[in-house]
PDB file of all heavy atoms in Angstrom:
ATOM      1  N   GLU A   1     125.677  82.734 110.871  1.00  0.00           N
ATOM      2  CA  GLU A   1     126.256  83.369 112.057  1.00  0.00           C
ATOM      3  C   GLU A   1     125.785  84.819 112.182  1.00  0.00           C
ATOM      4  O   GLU A   1     125.453  85.285 113.276  1.00  0.00           O
ATOM      5  CB  GLU A   1     127.777  83.292 112.004  1.00  0.00           C
ATOM      6  CG  GLU A   1     128.304  81.887 112.227  1.00  0.00           C
ATOM      7  CD  GLU A   1     129.801  81.768 111.990  1.00  0.00           C
ATOM      8  OE1 GLU A   1     130.425  82.745 111.493  1.00  0.00           O
ATOM      9  OE2 GLU A   1     130.342  80.691 112.288  1.00  0.00           O
ATOM     10  N   LEU A   2     125.756  85.545 111.058  1.00  0.00           N
ATOM     11  CA  LEU A   2     125.268  86.928 111.086  1.00  0.00           C
ATOM     12  C   LEU A   2     123.802  86.973 111.498  1.00  0.00           C
ATOM     13  O   LEU A   2     123.384  87.849 112.261  1.00  0.00           O
ATOM     14  CB  LEU A   2     125.431  87.573 109.704  1.00  0.00           C
ATOM     15  CG  LEU A   2     126.848  87.924 109.273  1.00  0.00           C
ATOM     16  CD1 LEU A   2     126.864  88.322 107.801  1.00  0.00           C
ATOM     17  CD2 LEU A   2     127.401  89.047 110.125  1.00  0.00           C
ATOM     18  N   ALA A   3     123.011  86.024 111.007  1.00  0.00           N
ATOM     19  CA  ALA A   3     121.585  85.984 111.342  1.00  0.00           C
ATOM     20  C   ALA A   3     121.371  85.652 112.814  1.00  0.00           C
ATOM     21  O   ALA A   3     120.470  86.212 113.448  1.00  0.00           O
ATOM     22  CB  ALA A   3     120.873  84.964 110.465  1.00  0.00           C
ATOM     23  N   ASP A   4     122.168  84.753 113.365  1.00  0.00           N
ATOM     24  CA  ASP A   4     122.045  84.444 114.793  1.00  0.00           C
ATOM     25  C   ASP A   4     122.325  85.687 115.635  1.00  0.00           C
ATOM     26  O   ASP A   4     121.654  85.928 116.638  1.00  0.00           O
ATOM     27  CB  ASP A   4     122.994  83.312 115.187  1.00  0.00           C
ATOM     28  CG  ASP A   4     122.454  81.941 114.819  1.00  0.00           C
ATOM     29  OD1 ASP A   4     121.227  81.794 114.655  1.00  0.00           O
ATOM     30  OD2 ASP A   4     123.272  81.009 114.695  1.00  0.00           O
ATOM     31  N   ASP A   5     123.308  86.479 115.201  1.00  0.00           N
ATOM     32  CA  ASP A   5     123.614  87.720 115.918  1.00  0.00           C
ATOM     33  C   ASP A   5     122.479  88.740 115.760  1.00  0.00           C
ATOM     34  O   ASP A   5     122.145  89.455 116.695  1.00  0.00           O
ATOM     35  CB  ASP A   5     124.914  88.335 115.405  1.00  0.00           C
ATOM     36  CG  ASP A   5     126.140  87.510 115.780  1.00  0.00           C
ATOM     37  OD1 ASP A   5     126.040  86.665 116.695  1.00  0.00           O
ATOM     38  OD2 ASP A   5     127.196  87.700 115.141  1.00  0.00           O
ATOM     39  N   HIS A   6     121.892  88.801 114.571  1.00  0.00           N
ATOM     40  CA  HIS A   6     120.863  89.803 114.279  1.00  0.00           C
ATOM     41  C   HIS A   6     119.488  89.400 114.809  1.00  0.00           C
ATOM     42  O   HIS A   6     118.803  90.195 115.441  1.00  0.00           O
ATOM     43  CB  HIS A   6     120.794  90.035 112.772  1.00  0.00           C
ATOM     44  CG  HIS A   6     119.830  91.097 112.356  1.00  0.00           C
ATOM     45  ND1 HIS A   6     120.099  92.433 112.504  1.00  0.00           N
ATOM     46  CD2 HIS A   6     118.598  91.015 111.815  1.00  0.00           C
ATOM     47  CE1 HIS A   6     119.074  93.131 112.063  1.00  0.00           C
ATOM     48  NE2 HIS A   6     118.144  92.297 111.628  1.00  0.00           N
ATOM     49  N   TYR A   7     119.067  88.175 114.535  1.00  0.00           N
ATOM     50  CA  TYR A   7     117.720  87.724 114.884  1.00  0.00           C
ATOM     51  C   TYR A   7     117.643  86.935 116.190  1.00  0.00           C
ATOM     52  O   TYR A   7     116.566  86.700 116.705  1.00  0.00           O
ATOM     53  CB  TYR A   7     117.145  86.824 113.775  1.00  0.00           C
ATOM     54  CG  TYR A   7     116.799  87.557 112.516  1.00  0.00           C
ATOM     55  CD1 TYR A   7     117.533  87.352 111.353  1.00  0.00           C
ATOM     56  CD2 TYR A   7     115.736  88.440 112.471  1.00  0.00           C
ATOM     57  CE1 TYR A   7     117.210  88.008 110.185  1.00  0.00           C
ATOM     58  CE2 TYR A   7     115.407  89.112 111.306  1.00  0.00           C
ATOM     59  CZ  TYR A   7     116.151  88.882 110.162  1.00  0.00           C
ATOM     60  OH  TYR A   7     115.832  89.537 109.008  1.00  0.00           O
ATOM     61  N   GLY A   8     118.779  86.501 116.699  1.00  0.00           N
ATOM     62  CA  GLY A   8     118.758  85.675 117.901  1.00  0.00           C
ATOM     63  C   GLY A   8     118.759  84.205 117.550  1.00  0.00           C
ATOM     64  O   GLY A   8     118.967  83.805 116.417  1.00  0.00           O
ATOM     65  N   ARG A   9     118.513  83.409 118.552  1.00  0.00           N
ATOM     66  CA  ARG A   9     118.542  81.958 118.405  1.00  0.00           C
ATOM     67  C   ARG A   9     117.613  81.482 117.292  1.00  0.00           C
ATOM     68  O   ARG A   9     116.496  81.962 117.159  1.00  0.00           O
ATOM     69  CB  ARG A   9     118.108  81.340 119.735  1.00  0.00           C
ATOM     70  CG  ARG A   9     118.419  79.913 119.863  1.00  0.00           C
ATOM     71  CD  ARG A   9     118.204  79.469 121.305  1.00  0.00           C
ATOM     72  NE  ARG A   9     117.935  78.054 121.307  1.00  0.00           N
ATOM     73  CZ  ARG A   9     116.775  77.506 121.599  1.00  0.00           C
ATOM     74  NH1 ARG A   9     115.771  78.264 121.979  1.00  0.00           N
ATOM     75  NH2 ARG A   9     116.613  76.215 121.543  1.00  0.00           N
ATOM     76  N   LYS A  10     118.043  80.558 116.515  1.00  0.00           N
ATOM     77  CA  LYS A  10     117.330  79.954 115.386  1.00  0.00           C
ATOM     78  C   LYS A  10     117.216  80.861 114.167  1.00  0.00           C
ATOM     79  O   LYS A  10     116.651  80.469 113.155  1.00  0.00           O
ATOM     80  CB  LYS A  10     115.943  79.464 115.784  1.00  0.00           C
ATOM     81  CG  LYS A  10     115.954  78.354 116.806  1.00  0.00           C
ATOM     82  CD  LYS A  10     114.565  77.851 117.054  1.00  0.00           C
ATOM     83  CE  LYS A  10     114.604  76.771 118.118  1.00  0.00           C
ATOM     84  NZ  LYS A  10     113.256  76.278 118.430  1.00  0.00           N
ATOM     85  N   GLY A  11     117.727  82.069 114.245  1.00  0.00           N
ATOM     86  CA  GLY A  11     117.680  82.960 113.084  1.00  0.00           C
ATOM     87  C   GLY A  11     118.516  82.441 111.938  1.00  0.00           C
ATOM     88  O   GLY A  11     118.144  82.584 110.774  1.00  0.00           O
ATOM     89  N   GLY A  12     119.643  81.824 112.261  1.00  0.00           N
ATOM     90  CA  GLY A  12     120.537  81.300 111.235  1.00  0.00           C
ATOM     91  C   GLY A  12     119.903  80.204 110.410  1.00  0.00           C
ATOM     92  O   GLY A  12     120.070  80.150 109.195  1.00  0.00           O
ATOM     93  N   ARG A  13     119.152  79.340 111.066  1.00  0.00           N
ATOM     94  CA  ARG A  13     118.514  78.240 110.348  1.00  0.00           C
ATOM     95  C   ARG A  13     117.456  78.777 109.385  1.00  0.00           C
ATOM     96  O   ARG A  13     117.358  78.338 108.241  1.00  0.00           O
ATOM     97  CB  ARG A  13     117.897  77.256 111.325  1.00  0.00           C
ATOM     98  CG  ARG A  13     117.310  76.049 110.647  1.00  0.00           C
ATOM     99  CD  ARG A  13     116.850  75.021 111.601  1.00  0.00           C
ATOM    100  NE  ARG A  13     116.044  75.639 112.665  1.00  0.00           N
ATOM    101  CZ  ARG A  13     115.561  74.979 113.687  1.00  0.00           C
ATOM    102  NH1 ARG A  13     115.801  73.703 113.812  1.00  0.00           N
ATOM    103  NH2 ARG A  13     114.851  75.587 114.603  1.00  0.00           N
ATOM    104  N   LYS A  14     116.676  79.751 109.827  1.00  0.00           N
ATOM    105  CA  LYS A  14     115.646  80.330 108.963  1.00  0.00           C
ATOM    106  C   LYS A  14     116.262  81.062 107.775  1.00  0.00           C
ATOM    107  O   LYS A  14     115.757  80.993 106.655  1.00  0.00           O
ATOM    108  CB  LYS A  14     114.752  81.260 109.768  1.00  0.00           C
ATOM    109  CG  LYS A  14     113.901  80.524 110.784  1.00  0.00           C
ATOM    110  CD  LYS A  14     113.083  81.473 111.610  1.00  0.00           C
ATOM    111  CE  LYS A  14     112.288  80.708 112.657  1.00  0.00           C
ATOM    112  NZ  LYS A  14     111.503  81.606 113.504  1.00  0.00           N
ATOM    113  N   VAL A  15     117.368  81.753 108.019  1.00  0.00           N
ATOM    114  CA  VAL A  15     118.062  82.452 106.941  1.00  0.00           C
ATOM    115  C   VAL A  15     118.673  81.445 105.965  1.00  0.00           C
ATOM    116  O   VAL A  15     118.701  81.666 104.756  1.00  0.00           O
ATOM    117  CB  VAL A  15     119.125  83.414 107.519  1.00  0.00           C
ATOM    118  CG1 VAL A  15     120.140  83.823 106.477  1.00  0.00           C
ATOM    119  CG2 VAL A  15     118.440  84.647 108.088  1.00  0.00           C
ATOM    120  N   SER A  16     119.111  80.315 106.472  1.00  0.00           N
ATOM    121  CA  SER A  16     119.644  79.268 105.608  1.00  0.00           C
ATOM    122  C   SER A  16     118.568  78.771 104.648  1.00  0.00           C
ATOM    123  O   SER A  16     118.827  78.553 103.457  1.00  0.00           O
ATOM    124  CB  SER A  16     120.166  78.113 106.462  1.00  0.00           C
ATOM    125  OG  SER A  16     120.606  77.049 105.653  1.00  0.00           O
ATOM    126  N   TYR A  17     117.344  78.578 105.139  1.00  0.00           N
ATOM    127  CA  TYR A  17     116.231  78.173 104.281  1.00  0.00           C
ATOM    128  C   TYR A  17     115.931  79.252 103.238  1.00  0.00           C
ATOM    129  O   TYR A  17     115.682  78.952 102.073  1.00  0.00           O
ATOM    130  CB  TYR A  17     114.971  77.909 105.101  1.00  0.00           C
ATOM    131  CG  TYR A  17     115.070  76.752 106.054  1.00  0.00           C
ATOM    132  CD1 TYR A  17     114.446  76.800 107.284  1.00  0.00           C
ATOM    133  CD2 TYR A  17     115.798  75.608 105.744  1.00  0.00           C
ATOM    134  CE1 TYR A  17     114.526  75.747 108.182  1.00  0.00           C
ATOM    135  CE2 TYR A  17     115.888  74.545 106.629  1.00  0.00           C
ATOM    136  CZ  TYR A  17     115.249  74.619 107.852  1.00  0.00           C
ATOM    137  OH  TYR A  17     115.339  73.576 108.730  1.00  0.00           O
ATOM    138  N   ALA A  18     115.945  80.512 103.665  1.00  0.00           N
ATOM    139  CA  ALA A  18     115.679  81.621 102.746  1.00  0.00           C
ATOM    140  C   ALA A  18     116.748  81.690 101.661  1.00  0.00           C
ATOM    141  O   ALA A  18     116.442  81.903 100.486  1.00  0.00           O
ATOM    142  CB  ALA A  18     115.601  82.945 103.509  1.00  0.00           C
ATOM    143  N   ALA A  19     118.012  81.496 102.035  1.00  0.00           N
ATOM    144  CA  ALA A  19     119.105  81.523 101.063  1.00  0.00           C
ATOM    145  C   ALA A  19     118.946  80.391 100.050  1.00  0.00           C
ATOM    146  O   ALA A  19     119.175  80.583  98.850  1.00  0.00           O
ATOM    147  CB  ALA A  19     120.451  81.419 101.776  1.00  0.00           C
ATOM    148  N   GLY A  20     118.532  79.227 100.518  1.00  0.00           N
ATOM    149  CA  GLY A  20     118.295  78.106  99.615  1.00  0.00           C
ATOM    150  C   GLY A  20     117.157  78.391  98.645  1.00  0.00           C
ATOM    151  O   GLY A  20     117.232  78.054  97.460  1.00  0.00           O
ATOM    152  N   ALA A  21     116.091  79.026  99.127  1.00  0.00           N
ATOM    153  CA  ALA A  21     114.962  79.380  98.264  1.00  0.00           C
ATOM    154  C   ALA A  21     115.373  80.425  97.229  1.00  0.00           C
ATOM    155  O   ALA A  21     114.979  80.346  96.063  1.00  0.00           O
ATOM    156  CB  ALA A  21     113.799  79.892  99.106  1.00  0.00           C
ATOM    157  N   LEU A  22     116.177  81.399  97.651  1.00  0.00           N
ATOM    158  CA  LEU A  22     116.669  82.418  96.727  1.00  0.00           C
ATOM    159  C   LEU A  22     117.563  81.784  95.656  1.00  0.00           C
ATOM    160  O   LEU A  22     117.510  82.148  94.481  1.00  0.00           O
ATOM    161  CB  LEU A  22     117.448  83.497  97.474  1.00  0.00           C
ATOM    162  CG  LEU A  22     116.620  84.455  98.320  1.00  0.00           C
ATOM    163  CD1 LEU A  22     117.523  85.256  99.253  1.00  0.00           C
ATOM    164  CD2 LEU A  22     115.808  85.377  97.437  1.00  0.00           C
ATOM    165  N   HIS A  23     118.367  80.822  96.070  1.00  0.00           N
ATOM    166  CA  HIS A  23     119.249  80.121  95.137  1.00  0.00           C
ATOM    167  C   HIS A  23     118.419  79.334  94.122  1.00  0.00           C
ATOM    168  O   HIS A  23     118.679  79.383  92.919  1.00  0.00           O
ATOM    169  CB  HIS A  23     120.200  79.201  95.910  1.00  0.00           C
ATOM    170  CG  HIS A  23     121.195  78.508  95.046  1.00  0.00           C
ATOM    171  ND1 HIS A  23     121.025  77.210  94.653  1.00  0.00           N
ATOM    172  CD2 HIS A  23     122.365  78.930  94.499  1.00  0.00           C
ATOM    173  CE1 HIS A  23     122.055  76.846  93.900  1.00  0.00           C
ATOM    174  NE2 HIS A  23     122.876  77.882  93.789  1.00  0.00           N
ATOM    175  N   GLY A  24     117.414  78.640  94.598  1.00  0.00           N
ATOM    176  CA  GLY A  24     116.552  77.866  93.718  1.00  0.00           C
ATOM    177  C   GLY A  24     115.767  78.727  92.744  1.00  0.00           C
ATOM    178  O   GLY A  24     115.455  78.301  91.631  1.00  0.00           O
ATOM    179  N   ALA A  25     115.444  79.951  93.140  1.00  0.00           N
ATOM    180  CA  ALA A  25     114.686  80.865  92.293  1.00  0.00           C
ATOM    181  C   ALA A  25     115.582  81.667  91.348  1.00  0.00           C
ATOM    182  O   ALA A  25     115.093  82.396  90.494  1.00  0.00           O
ATOM    183  CB  ALA A  25     113.856  81.810  93.156  1.00  0.00           C
ATOM    184  N   GLY A  26     116.903  81.566  91.518  1.00  0.00           N
ATOM    185  CA  GLY A  26     117.832  82.261  90.632  1.00  0.00           C
ATOM    186  C   GLY A  26     118.233  83.652  91.069  1.00  0.00           C
ATOM    187  O   GLY A  26     118.893  84.370  90.328  1.00  0.00           O
ATOM    188  N   TYR A  27     117.849  84.049  92.286  1.00  0.00           N
ATOM    189  CA  TYR A  27     118.211  85.380  92.773  1.00  0.00           C
ATOM    190  C   TYR A  27     119.641  85.437  93.296  1.00  0.00           C
ATOM    191  O   TYR A  27     120.225  86.508  93.381  1.00  0.00           O
ATOM    192  CB  TYR A  27     117.243  85.845  93.862  1.00  0.00           C
ATOM    193  CG  TYR A  27     115.858  86.101  93.327  1.00  0.00           C
ATOM    194  CD1 TYR A  27     114.830  85.205  93.544  1.00  0.00           C
ATOM    195  CD2 TYR A  27     115.586  87.243  92.588  1.00  0.00           C
ATOM    196  CE1 TYR A  27     113.555  85.430  93.041  1.00  0.00           C
ATOM    197  CE2 TYR A  27     114.327  87.486  92.076  1.00  0.00           C
ATOM    198  CZ  TYR A  27     113.319  86.575  92.303  1.00  0.00           C
ATOM    199  OH  TYR A  27     112.066  86.799  91.795  1.00  0.00           O
ATOM    200  N   VAL A  28     120.179  84.310  93.690  1.00  0.00           N
ATOM    201  CA  VAL A  28     121.579  84.223  94.105  1.00  0.00           C
ATOM    202  C   VAL A  28     122.198  82.998  93.430  1.00  0.00           C
ATOM    203  O   VAL A  28     121.493  82.069  93.032  1.00  0.00           O
ATOM    204  CB  VAL A  28     121.748  84.129  95.646  1.00  0.00           C
ATOM    205  CG1 VAL A  28     121.174  85.342  96.338  1.00  0.00           C
ATOM    206  CG2 VAL A  28     121.137  82.878  96.203  1.00  0.00           C
TER     207      VAL A  28
END
């Protein structure tokens, strides 16, 4: 939701992928 507000439409989905990658790499 924060990403959609910041980046506009489809920003949330891209941030979701980034969060998943960060989780898989151990950063979160």
